[in-house]
Amino acid sequence: MKMAKASEADLDMAMELCGALDALTGNWPTLPTALCKPDDDEPDEAFDCDDDRQCGTVLRHLLAIAERASLLRVVWGCAVMLDPRNKCVDPNADVIEHHPDAKAGHAAKLARPLDEWEEDMSDVLWWRFPVDEPPYCGTPNCSDWPGYHTHWTPLVVPSDPTPVGESSSERGAT
C-alpha cells in the first residue's frame, strides 16, 4: 500500500496538536501553552471542560492548528509504515526499527574491505573501486581469484519468488 508522505508542515502540525491535546487531557488538565498568558511566573491556566467559554476557545485553537496541514497524512502514513505487509518496520521489535529484510538490503550495499572477510563466510561478491566491471563471485582462496579486488559485499540469496499457495500465473508472470 502506498500513501502520500507527510510533509514537514504536516508533522509540525501533528506535534503541536498532540501537545495541545496532551495538555488538555493530562493528570492536571491545563490550557495549551499557546493559549496561556506569556508570564513565566504564573502556572498554566487549568482547563475546565465544563466551562463553555474555555471549551470554545480551545476548540477554535485546535481547529486553527488542524487547518494548517494534514493530520490524515501523518496518521495514515504511520499506519502504512507499520503494516507488516510493507516490511518497513520489524514486526517483532517493541520500538520502531527497520524490518530485517531492509537491514539485510542496507548491509548488502555496504562494501567492506578485504581484511574483514573470513574464510567461514564462503563466497561473496568482490569489487574494485571505482566500479567499472561486474563483481567477482567467490573467495580469495579460489584458483581463479584475480587478486586485485579490494572490497566485498555479501552474496544475497533471493527469496523464493513464488509464495506458498500461489502459482506464478496468479502473480501475473508469463
N, C-alpha and C. Protein backbone atom coordinates (compact mmCIF):
# COMPACT_ATOMS: atom_id res chain seq x y z
N MET A 1 0.85 -1.17 0.00
CA MET A 1 0.00 0.00 0.00
C MET A 1 0.89 1.23 0.00
N LYS A 2 0.47 2.25 -0.73
CA LYS A 2 1.21 3.50 -0.78
C LYS A 2 0.35 4.62 -0.23
N MET A 3 1.01 5.62 0.33
CA MET A 3 0.32 6.76 0.92
C MET A 3 1.22 7.97 0.74
N ALA A 4 0.62 9.13 0.48
CA ALA A 4 1.40 10.35 0.36
C ALA A 4 2.19 10.57 1.65
N LYS A 5 3.45 10.95 1.50
CA LYS A 5 4.32 11.16 2.64
C LYS A 5 3.94 12.47 3.34
N ALA A 6 3.95 12.44 4.66
CA ALA A 6 3.65 13.64 5.43
C ALA A 6 4.76 14.66 5.21
N SER A 7 4.36 15.91 5.04
CA SER A 7 5.33 17.00 4.85
C SER A 7 5.83 17.45 6.22
N GLU A 8 6.83 18.30 6.21
CA GLU A 8 7.33 18.86 7.47
C GLU A 8 6.22 19.66 8.16
N ALA A 9 5.41 20.37 7.37
CA ALA A 9 4.29 21.13 7.95
C ALA A 9 3.28 20.19 8.58
N ASP A 10 3.02 19.03 7.93
CA ASP A 10 2.10 18.05 8.50
C ASP A 10 2.62 17.55 9.85
N LEU A 11 3.90 17.22 9.90
CA LEU A 11 4.49 16.71 11.14
C LEU A 11 4.50 17.76 12.24
N ASP A 12 4.86 19.00 11.88
CA ASP A 12 4.86 20.09 12.86
C ASP A 12 3.46 20.29 13.43
N MET A 13 2.46 20.30 12.55
CA MET A 13 1.08 20.48 12.99
C MET A 13 0.65 19.34 13.91
N ALA A 14 0.98 18.10 13.52
CA ALA A 14 0.58 16.94 14.32
C ALA A 14 1.21 16.99 15.71
N MET A 15 2.47 17.41 15.77
CA MET A 15 3.13 17.50 17.08
C MET A 15 2.52 18.61 17.93
N GLU A 16 2.20 19.74 17.32
CA GLU A 16 1.58 20.82 18.08
C GLU A 16 0.19 20.41 18.55
N LEU A 17 -0.57 19.75 17.68
CA LEU A 17 -1.91 19.29 18.05
C LEU A 17 -1.82 18.26 19.18
N CYS A 18 -0.88 17.34 19.08
CA CYS A 18 -0.71 16.35 20.15
C CYS A 18 -0.33 17.02 21.47
N GLY A 19 0.55 18.02 21.40
CA GLY A 19 0.93 18.74 22.61
C GLY A 19 -0.25 19.44 23.25
N ALA A 20 -1.09 20.06 22.40
CA ALA A 20 -2.27 20.75 22.93
C ALA A 20 -3.25 19.76 23.55
N LEU A 21 -3.49 18.64 22.86
CA LEU A 21 -4.40 17.62 23.40
C LEU A 21 -3.84 17.01 24.68
N ASP A 22 -2.54 16.83 24.74
CA ASP A 22 -1.90 16.27 25.93
C ASP A 22 -2.09 17.21 27.12
N ALA A 23 -1.94 18.52 26.88
CA ALA A 23 -2.15 19.49 27.95
C ALA A 23 -3.60 19.43 28.46
N LEU A 24 -4.54 19.28 27.53
CA LEU A 24 -5.96 19.27 27.90
C LEU A 24 -6.38 17.99 28.62
N THR A 25 -5.67 16.90 28.37
CA THR A 25 -6.12 15.60 28.89
C THR A 25 -5.17 15.00 29.92
N GLY A 26 -4.17 15.75 30.36
CA GLY A 26 -3.21 15.22 31.33
C GLY A 26 -3.83 15.05 32.71
N ASN A 27 -3.02 14.64 33.67
CA ASN A 27 -3.50 14.45 35.05
C ASN A 27 -4.04 15.74 35.65
N TRP A 28 -3.40 16.87 35.30
CA TRP A 28 -3.87 18.18 35.73
C TRP A 28 -4.09 19.00 34.47
N PRO A 29 -5.27 18.84 33.84
CA PRO A 29 -5.52 19.50 32.56
C PRO A 29 -5.30 21.01 32.61
N THR A 30 -4.54 21.48 31.63
CA THR A 30 -4.29 22.91 31.51
C THR A 30 -4.61 23.33 30.08
N LEU A 31 -4.72 24.64 29.90
CA LEU A 31 -4.89 25.16 28.54
C LEU A 31 -3.60 24.91 27.77
N PRO A 32 -3.70 24.68 26.47
CA PRO A 32 -2.48 24.56 25.66
C PRO A 32 -1.61 25.79 25.84
N THR A 33 -0.31 25.60 25.80
CA THR A 33 0.66 26.68 26.05
C THR A 33 0.36 27.93 25.22
N ALA A 34 -0.03 27.76 23.97
CA ALA A 34 -0.28 28.91 23.10
C ALA A 34 -1.44 29.77 23.59
N LEU A 35 -2.32 29.23 24.43
CA LEU A 35 -3.47 29.98 24.94
C LEU A 35 -3.19 30.60 26.31
N CYS A 36 -2.05 30.29 26.90
CA CYS A 36 -1.72 30.82 28.22
C CYS A 36 -1.04 32.17 28.08
N LYS A 37 -1.16 32.96 29.13
CA LYS A 37 -0.53 34.27 29.15
C LYS A 37 0.99 34.08 29.24
N PRO A 38 1.75 34.88 28.50
CA PRO A 38 3.21 34.71 28.49
C PRO A 38 3.88 35.26 29.74
N ASP A 39 3.50 34.77 30.90
CA ASP A 39 4.12 35.21 32.16
C ASP A 39 4.77 33.99 32.79
N ASP A 40 6.09 34.00 32.83
CA ASP A 40 6.83 32.83 33.31
C ASP A 40 6.57 32.53 34.78
N ASP A 41 6.14 33.54 35.55
CA ASP A 41 5.94 33.33 36.99
C ASP A 41 4.62 32.66 37.30
N GLU A 42 3.66 32.74 36.40
CA GLU A 42 2.33 32.17 36.65
C GLU A 42 2.24 30.75 36.11
N PRO A 43 1.62 29.84 36.85
CA PRO A 43 1.41 28.48 36.32
C PRO A 43 0.39 28.53 35.19
N ASP A 44 0.43 27.50 34.32
CA ASP A 44 -0.54 27.43 33.22
C ASP A 44 -1.95 27.38 33.79
N GLU A 45 -2.87 27.99 33.05
CA GLU A 45 -4.26 28.05 33.50
C GLU A 45 -4.90 26.67 33.40
N ALA A 46 -5.58 26.27 34.46
CA ALA A 46 -6.26 24.98 34.48
C ALA A 46 -7.37 24.97 33.44
N PHE A 47 -7.61 23.79 32.86
CA PHE A 47 -8.68 23.63 31.87
C PHE A 47 -9.87 22.98 32.53
N ASP A 48 -11.03 23.57 32.32
CA ASP A 48 -12.29 23.04 32.87
C ASP A 48 -13.20 22.71 31.69
N CYS A 49 -13.39 21.41 31.42
CA CYS A 49 -14.21 21.02 30.26
C CYS A 49 -15.68 21.39 30.42
N ASP A 50 -16.09 21.79 31.61
CA ASP A 50 -17.47 22.24 31.81
C ASP A 50 -17.63 23.75 31.60
N ASP A 51 -16.54 24.44 31.34
CA ASP A 51 -16.57 25.88 31.09
C ASP A 51 -16.74 26.09 29.58
N ASP A 52 -17.95 26.47 29.16
CA ASP A 52 -18.24 26.61 27.74
C ASP A 52 -17.36 27.68 27.06
N ARG A 53 -17.05 28.75 27.76
CA ARG A 53 -16.19 29.79 27.19
C ARG A 53 -14.81 29.21 26.91
N GLN A 54 -14.25 28.50 27.88
CA GLN A 54 -12.93 27.89 27.70
C GLN A 54 -12.97 26.85 26.59
N CYS A 55 -14.02 26.04 26.56
CA CYS A 55 -14.14 24.99 25.53
C CYS A 55 -14.21 25.60 24.14
N GLY A 56 -14.92 26.69 23.99
CA GLY A 56 -14.99 27.36 22.69
C GLY A 56 -13.63 27.88 22.26
N THR A 57 -12.92 28.49 23.21
CA THR A 57 -11.57 29.00 22.91
C THR A 57 -10.64 27.86 22.50
N VAL A 58 -10.69 26.76 23.25
CA VAL A 58 -9.82 25.61 22.98
C VAL A 58 -10.18 24.97 21.64
N LEU A 59 -11.47 24.82 21.36
CA LEU A 59 -11.88 24.20 20.10
C LEU A 59 -11.41 25.05 18.91
N ARG A 60 -11.58 26.35 18.98
CA ARG A 60 -11.11 27.22 17.90
C ARG A 60 -9.60 27.09 17.72
N HIS A 61 -8.88 27.01 18.84
CA HIS A 61 -7.42 26.84 18.80
C HIS A 61 -7.05 25.52 18.13
N LEU A 62 -7.69 24.42 18.52
CA LEU A 62 -7.40 23.10 17.94
C LEU A 62 -7.72 23.07 16.45
N LEU A 63 -8.85 23.67 16.08
CA LEU A 63 -9.22 23.71 14.66
C LEU A 63 -8.24 24.55 13.85
N ALA A 64 -7.76 25.65 14.44
CA ALA A 64 -6.78 26.50 13.74
C ALA A 64 -5.48 25.73 13.50
N ILE A 65 -5.08 24.94 14.48
CA ILE A 65 -3.88 24.12 14.30
C ILE A 65 -4.13 23.10 13.19
N ALA A 66 -5.24 22.38 13.27
CA ALA A 66 -5.54 21.30 12.32
C ALA A 66 -5.69 21.81 10.89
N GLU A 67 -6.13 23.05 10.71
CA GLU A 67 -6.33 23.58 9.36
C GLU A 67 -5.02 23.89 8.64
N ARG A 68 -3.89 23.92 9.36
CA ARG A 68 -2.61 24.30 8.75
C ARG A 68 -1.99 23.19 7.90
N ALA A 69 -2.39 21.95 8.13
CA ALA A 69 -1.76 20.84 7.40
C ALA A 69 -2.65 19.61 7.52
N SER A 70 -2.13 18.46 7.11
CA SER A 70 -2.93 17.24 7.08
C SER A 70 -2.52 16.23 8.16
N LEU A 71 -3.38 16.08 9.15
CA LEU A 71 -3.17 15.05 10.17
C LEU A 71 -3.38 13.67 9.55
N LEU A 72 -4.24 13.60 8.54
CA LEU A 72 -4.52 12.33 7.85
C LEU A 72 -3.23 11.74 7.27
N ARG A 73 -2.40 12.57 6.62
CA ARG A 73 -1.15 12.06 6.04
C ARG A 73 -0.22 11.52 7.12
N VAL A 74 -0.20 12.15 8.28
CA VAL A 74 0.67 11.70 9.37
C VAL A 74 0.19 10.35 9.89
N VAL A 75 -1.09 10.27 10.21
CA VAL A 75 -1.64 9.05 10.82
C VAL A 75 -1.64 7.89 9.82
N TRP A 76 -2.15 8.11 8.62
CA TRP A 76 -2.20 7.02 7.65
C TRP A 76 -0.81 6.65 7.15
N GLY A 77 0.09 7.64 7.06
CA GLY A 77 1.47 7.33 6.69
C GLY A 77 2.11 6.41 7.71
N CYS A 78 1.84 6.67 8.97
CA CYS A 78 2.36 5.80 10.03
C CYS A 78 1.73 4.42 9.93
N ALA A 79 0.43 4.36 9.66
CA ALA A 79 -0.25 3.07 9.53
C ALA A 79 0.33 2.26 8.37
N VAL A 80 0.63 2.91 7.26
CA VAL A 80 1.23 2.23 6.10
C VAL A 80 2.62 1.73 6.47
N MET A 81 3.39 2.58 7.14
CA MET A 81 4.75 2.20 7.53
C MET A 81 4.72 1.00 8.47
N LEU A 82 3.76 0.94 9.37
CA LEU A 82 3.70 -0.13 10.36
C LEU A 82 3.03 -1.40 9.84
N ASP A 83 2.37 -1.33 8.69
CA ASP A 83 1.70 -2.50 8.12
C ASP A 83 2.76 -3.57 7.83
N PRO A 84 2.66 -4.75 8.45
CA PRO A 84 3.70 -5.77 8.27
C PRO A 84 3.87 -6.20 6.82
N ARG A 85 2.85 -6.06 5.99
CA ARG A 85 2.97 -6.45 4.58
C ARG A 85 3.96 -5.58 3.84
N ASN A 86 4.20 -4.37 4.32
CA ASN A 86 5.12 -3.45 3.64
C ASN A 86 6.58 -3.68 4.03
N LYS A 87 6.82 -4.44 5.07
CA LYS A 87 8.17 -4.80 5.52
C LYS A 87 9.07 -3.58 5.71
N CYS A 88 8.51 -2.52 6.29
CA CYS A 88 9.32 -1.34 6.61
C CYS A 88 9.87 -1.43 8.03
N VAL A 89 9.02 -1.90 8.94
CA VAL A 89 9.34 -1.92 10.37
C VAL A 89 9.35 -3.36 10.87
N ASP A 90 10.30 -3.67 11.75
CA ASP A 90 10.41 -5.00 12.33
C ASP A 90 9.16 -5.29 13.17
N PRO A 91 8.32 -6.25 12.75
CA PRO A 91 7.09 -6.52 13.49
C PRO A 91 7.34 -7.14 14.86
N ASN A 92 8.53 -7.65 15.12
CA ASN A 92 8.83 -8.28 16.40
C ASN A 92 9.52 -7.36 17.38
N ALA A 93 9.82 -6.13 16.98
CA ALA A 93 10.50 -5.18 17.86
C ALA A 93 9.48 -4.34 18.62
N ASP A 94 9.85 -3.95 19.83
CA ASP A 94 8.99 -3.10 20.64
C ASP A 94 9.17 -1.62 20.32
N VAL A 95 10.16 -1.31 19.51
CA VAL A 95 10.44 0.06 19.09
C VAL A 95 10.46 0.08 17.57
N ILE A 96 10.47 1.27 16.99
CA ILE A 96 10.49 1.36 15.53
C ILE A 96 11.91 1.10 15.05
N GLU A 97 12.10 -0.05 14.42
CA GLU A 97 13.37 -0.45 13.84
C GLU A 97 13.11 -0.92 12.42
N HIS A 98 14.12 -0.83 11.58
CA HIS A 98 13.98 -1.33 10.22
C HIS A 98 13.62 -2.81 10.23
N HIS A 99 12.84 -3.21 9.25
CA HIS A 99 12.50 -4.62 9.06
C HIS A 99 13.80 -5.39 8.78
N PRO A 100 13.91 -6.64 9.24
CA PRO A 100 15.13 -7.42 8.97
C PRO A 100 15.50 -7.48 7.49
N ASP A 101 14.51 -7.55 6.59
CA ASP A 101 14.82 -7.57 5.16
C ASP A 101 15.45 -6.24 4.72
N ALA A 102 14.96 -5.14 5.27
CA ALA A 102 15.52 -3.83 4.94
C ALA A 102 16.95 -3.72 5.48
N LYS A 103 17.17 -4.21 6.71
CA LYS A 103 18.52 -4.20 7.27
C LYS A 103 19.47 -5.01 6.40
N ALA A 104 19.02 -6.17 5.95
CA ALA A 104 19.87 -7.02 5.10
C ALA A 104 20.18 -6.32 3.78
N GLY A 105 19.19 -5.64 3.22
CA GLY A 105 19.41 -4.91 1.98
C GLY A 105 20.42 -3.79 2.14
N HIS A 106 20.31 -3.06 3.24
CA HIS A 106 21.27 -1.98 3.51
C HIS A 106 22.66 -2.56 3.72
N ALA A 107 22.75 -3.65 4.47
CA ALA A 107 24.05 -4.27 4.74
C ALA A 107 24.68 -4.79 3.45
N ALA A 108 23.85 -5.30 2.54
CA ALA A 108 24.36 -5.86 1.29
C ALA A 108 24.98 -4.78 0.40
N LYS A 109 24.60 -3.53 0.59
CA LYS A 109 25.14 -2.43 -0.22
C LYS A 109 26.44 -1.87 0.34
N LEU A 110 26.76 -2.20 1.58
CA LEU A 110 27.93 -1.65 2.23
C LEU A 110 29.17 -2.46 1.87
N ALA A 111 30.05 -1.86 1.08
CA ALA A 111 31.28 -2.54 0.68
C ALA A 111 32.24 -2.58 1.87
N ARG A 112 32.70 -3.78 2.17
CA ARG A 112 33.62 -3.96 3.31
C ARG A 112 35.02 -4.28 2.78
N PRO A 113 36.05 -3.85 3.47
CA PRO A 113 37.41 -4.08 2.99
C PRO A 113 37.80 -5.56 3.06
N LEU A 114 38.74 -5.91 2.22
CA LEU A 114 39.23 -7.28 2.13
C LEU A 114 39.60 -7.87 3.48
N ASP A 115 40.22 -7.09 4.36
CA ASP A 115 40.68 -7.64 5.63
C ASP A 115 39.55 -7.99 6.60
N GLU A 116 38.30 -7.64 6.26
CA GLU A 116 37.17 -8.04 7.10
C GLU A 116 36.56 -9.37 6.65
N TRP A 117 37.01 -9.89 5.52
CA TRP A 117 36.49 -11.17 5.03
C TRP A 117 37.18 -12.31 5.79
N GLU A 118 36.39 -13.34 6.15
CA GLU A 118 36.93 -14.51 6.83
C GLU A 118 36.51 -15.75 6.05
N GLU A 119 37.31 -16.79 6.13
CA GLU A 119 37.08 -18.00 5.33
C GLU A 119 35.71 -18.63 5.56
N ASP A 120 35.19 -18.53 6.78
CA ASP A 120 33.89 -19.16 7.05
C ASP A 120 32.73 -18.41 6.40
N MET A 121 32.99 -17.26 5.78
CA MET A 121 31.94 -16.51 5.09
C MET A 121 31.63 -17.10 3.72
N SER A 122 32.51 -17.91 3.20
CA SER A 122 32.31 -18.55 1.91
C SER A 122 32.29 -17.51 0.79
N ASP A 123 31.55 -17.80 -0.28
CA ASP A 123 31.54 -16.91 -1.45
C ASP A 123 30.86 -15.58 -1.14
N VAL A 124 31.45 -14.51 -1.67
CA VAL A 124 30.90 -13.15 -1.58
C VAL A 124 31.14 -12.50 -2.94
N LEU A 125 30.65 -11.29 -3.09
CA LEU A 125 30.90 -10.52 -4.31
C LEU A 125 32.07 -9.58 -4.05
N TRP A 126 33.06 -9.63 -4.94
CA TRP A 126 34.27 -8.83 -4.77
C TRP A 126 34.27 -7.68 -5.76
N TRP A 127 34.69 -6.50 -5.28
CA TRP A 127 34.63 -5.27 -6.06
C TRP A 127 35.98 -4.57 -6.08
N ARG A 128 36.20 -3.81 -7.14
CA ARG A 128 37.33 -2.88 -7.25
C ARG A 128 36.70 -1.51 -7.46
N PHE A 129 37.23 -0.50 -6.78
CA PHE A 129 36.70 0.86 -6.90
C PHE A 129 37.66 1.74 -7.67
N PRO A 130 37.14 2.62 -8.53
CA PRO A 130 35.72 2.78 -8.84
C PRO A 130 35.21 1.56 -9.60
N VAL A 131 33.93 1.29 -9.42
CA VAL A 131 33.33 0.11 -10.05
C VAL A 131 33.26 0.34 -11.56
N ASP A 132 34.00 -0.48 -12.29
CA ASP A 132 34.00 -0.36 -13.75
C ASP A 132 33.86 -1.72 -14.42
N GLU A 133 33.55 -2.75 -13.61
CA GLU A 133 33.34 -4.10 -14.14
C GLU A 133 32.43 -4.85 -13.17
N PRO A 134 31.82 -5.93 -13.63
CA PRO A 134 30.97 -6.73 -12.74
C PRO A 134 31.82 -7.31 -11.59
N PRO A 135 31.18 -7.65 -10.48
CA PRO A 135 31.93 -8.20 -9.36
C PRO A 135 32.41 -9.63 -9.64
N TYR A 136 33.44 -10.02 -8.94
CA TYR A 136 33.92 -11.40 -8.96
C TYR A 136 33.18 -12.13 -7.84
N CYS A 137 32.65 -13.31 -8.09
CA CYS A 137 31.95 -14.09 -7.08
C CYS A 137 32.85 -15.26 -6.68
N GLY A 138 33.16 -15.33 -5.41
CA GLY A 138 34.00 -16.41 -4.91
C GLY A 138 34.73 -15.97 -3.66
N THR A 139 35.93 -16.54 -3.46
CA THR A 139 36.74 -16.21 -2.30
C THR A 139 38.18 -15.98 -2.77
N PRO A 140 38.99 -15.33 -1.92
CA PRO A 140 40.40 -15.18 -2.27
C PRO A 140 41.14 -16.52 -2.37
N ASN A 141 40.52 -17.59 -1.87
CA ASN A 141 41.14 -18.92 -1.92
C ASN A 141 40.84 -19.65 -3.24
N CYS A 142 39.99 -19.10 -4.08
CA CYS A 142 39.64 -19.74 -5.36
C CYS A 142 40.85 -19.69 -6.31
N SER A 143 40.96 -20.72 -7.14
CA SER A 143 42.10 -20.80 -8.06
C SER A 143 42.07 -19.69 -9.12
N ASP A 144 40.87 -19.17 -9.43
CA ASP A 144 40.79 -18.11 -10.44
C ASP A 144 40.66 -16.71 -9.84
N TRP A 145 40.98 -16.56 -8.54
CA TRP A 145 40.90 -15.26 -7.86
C TRP A 145 41.82 -14.27 -8.58
N PRO A 146 41.26 -13.14 -9.07
CA PRO A 146 42.08 -12.19 -9.82
C PRO A 146 43.11 -11.45 -8.96
N GLY A 147 42.81 -11.27 -7.68
CA GLY A 147 43.78 -10.68 -6.77
C GLY A 147 43.78 -9.17 -6.68
N TYR A 148 42.99 -8.48 -7.46
CA TYR A 148 43.03 -7.01 -7.42
C TYR A 148 41.79 -6.39 -6.76
N HIS A 149 40.85 -7.21 -6.30
CA HIS A 149 39.65 -6.67 -5.67
C HIS A 149 39.97 -6.26 -4.23
N THR A 150 39.42 -5.13 -3.82
CA THR A 150 39.76 -4.56 -2.52
C THR A 150 38.61 -4.61 -1.51
N HIS A 151 37.38 -4.81 -2.01
CA HIS A 151 36.20 -4.77 -1.13
C HIS A 151 35.23 -5.88 -1.52
N TRP A 152 34.35 -6.20 -0.58
CA TRP A 152 33.36 -7.25 -0.84
C TRP A 152 32.02 -6.87 -0.24
N THR A 153 30.98 -7.49 -0.78
CA THR A 153 29.62 -7.38 -0.24
C THR A 153 29.08 -8.81 -0.13
N PRO A 154 28.15 -9.03 0.78
CA PRO A 154 27.59 -10.38 0.90
C PRO A 154 26.87 -10.79 -0.38
N LEU A 155 26.83 -12.06 -0.60
CA LEU A 155 26.08 -12.62 -1.72
C LEU A 155 24.68 -12.87 -1.18
N VAL A 156 23.74 -12.06 -1.61
CA VAL A 156 22.37 -12.15 -1.09
C VAL A 156 21.62 -13.21 -1.88
N VAL A 157 21.10 -14.19 -1.17
CA VAL A 157 20.31 -15.25 -1.80
C VAL A 157 18.85 -14.78 -1.82
N PRO A 158 18.23 -14.74 -2.98
CA PRO A 158 16.85 -14.24 -3.06
C PRO A 158 15.86 -15.20 -2.42
N SER A 159 14.73 -14.63 -2.02
CA SER A 159 13.63 -15.44 -1.51
C SER A 159 12.98 -16.17 -2.66
N ASP A 160 12.28 -17.23 -2.35
CA ASP A 160 11.52 -17.97 -3.36
C ASP A 160 10.53 -17.00 -3.99
N PRO A 161 10.54 -16.87 -5.32
CA PRO A 161 9.66 -15.89 -5.96
C PRO A 161 8.19 -16.28 -5.93
N THR A 162 7.89 -17.53 -5.64
CA THR A 162 6.51 -17.96 -5.60
C THR A 162 6.09 -18.21 -4.15
N PRO A 163 5.30 -17.30 -3.57
CA PRO A 163 4.83 -17.52 -2.20
C PRO A 163 4.04 -18.83 -2.10
N VAL A 164 4.07 -19.42 -0.94
CA VAL A 164 3.36 -20.68 -0.71
C VAL A 164 1.89 -20.52 -1.06
N GLY A 165 1.37 -21.43 -1.85
CA GLY A 165 -0.05 -21.41 -2.22
C GLY A 165 -0.37 -20.51 -3.40
N GLU A 166 0.64 -19.94 -4.05
CA GLU A 166 0.38 -19.04 -5.17
C GLU A 166 1.27 -19.47 -6.33
N SER A 167 0.68 -19.66 -7.49
CA SER A 167 1.47 -20.01 -8.66
C SER A 167 1.97 -18.76 -9.35
N SER A 168 2.98 -18.90 -10.21
CA SER A 168 3.50 -17.73 -10.93
C SER A 168 2.45 -17.11 -11.83
N SER A 169 1.51 -17.92 -12.35
CA SER A 169 0.46 -17.37 -13.23
C SER A 169 -0.50 -16.50 -12.41
N GLU A 170 -0.68 -16.81 -11.12
CA GLU A 170 -1.55 -15.99 -10.29
C GLU A 170 -0.93 -14.63 -9.99
N ARG A 171 0.40 -14.53 -10.06
CA ARG A 171 1.08 -13.27 -9.84
C ARG A 171 1.19 -12.47 -11.12
N GLY A 172 0.76 -13.02 -12.23
CA GLY A 172 0.82 -12.27 -13.49
C GLY A 172 2.08 -12.57 -14.29
N ALA A 173 2.88 -13.54 -13.85
CA ALA A 173 4.10 -13.86 -14.59
C ALA A 173 3.78 -14.67 -15.82
N THR A 174 4.64 -14.56 -16.80
CA THR A 174 4.43 -15.32 -18.04
C THR A 174 5.52 -16.36 -18.20
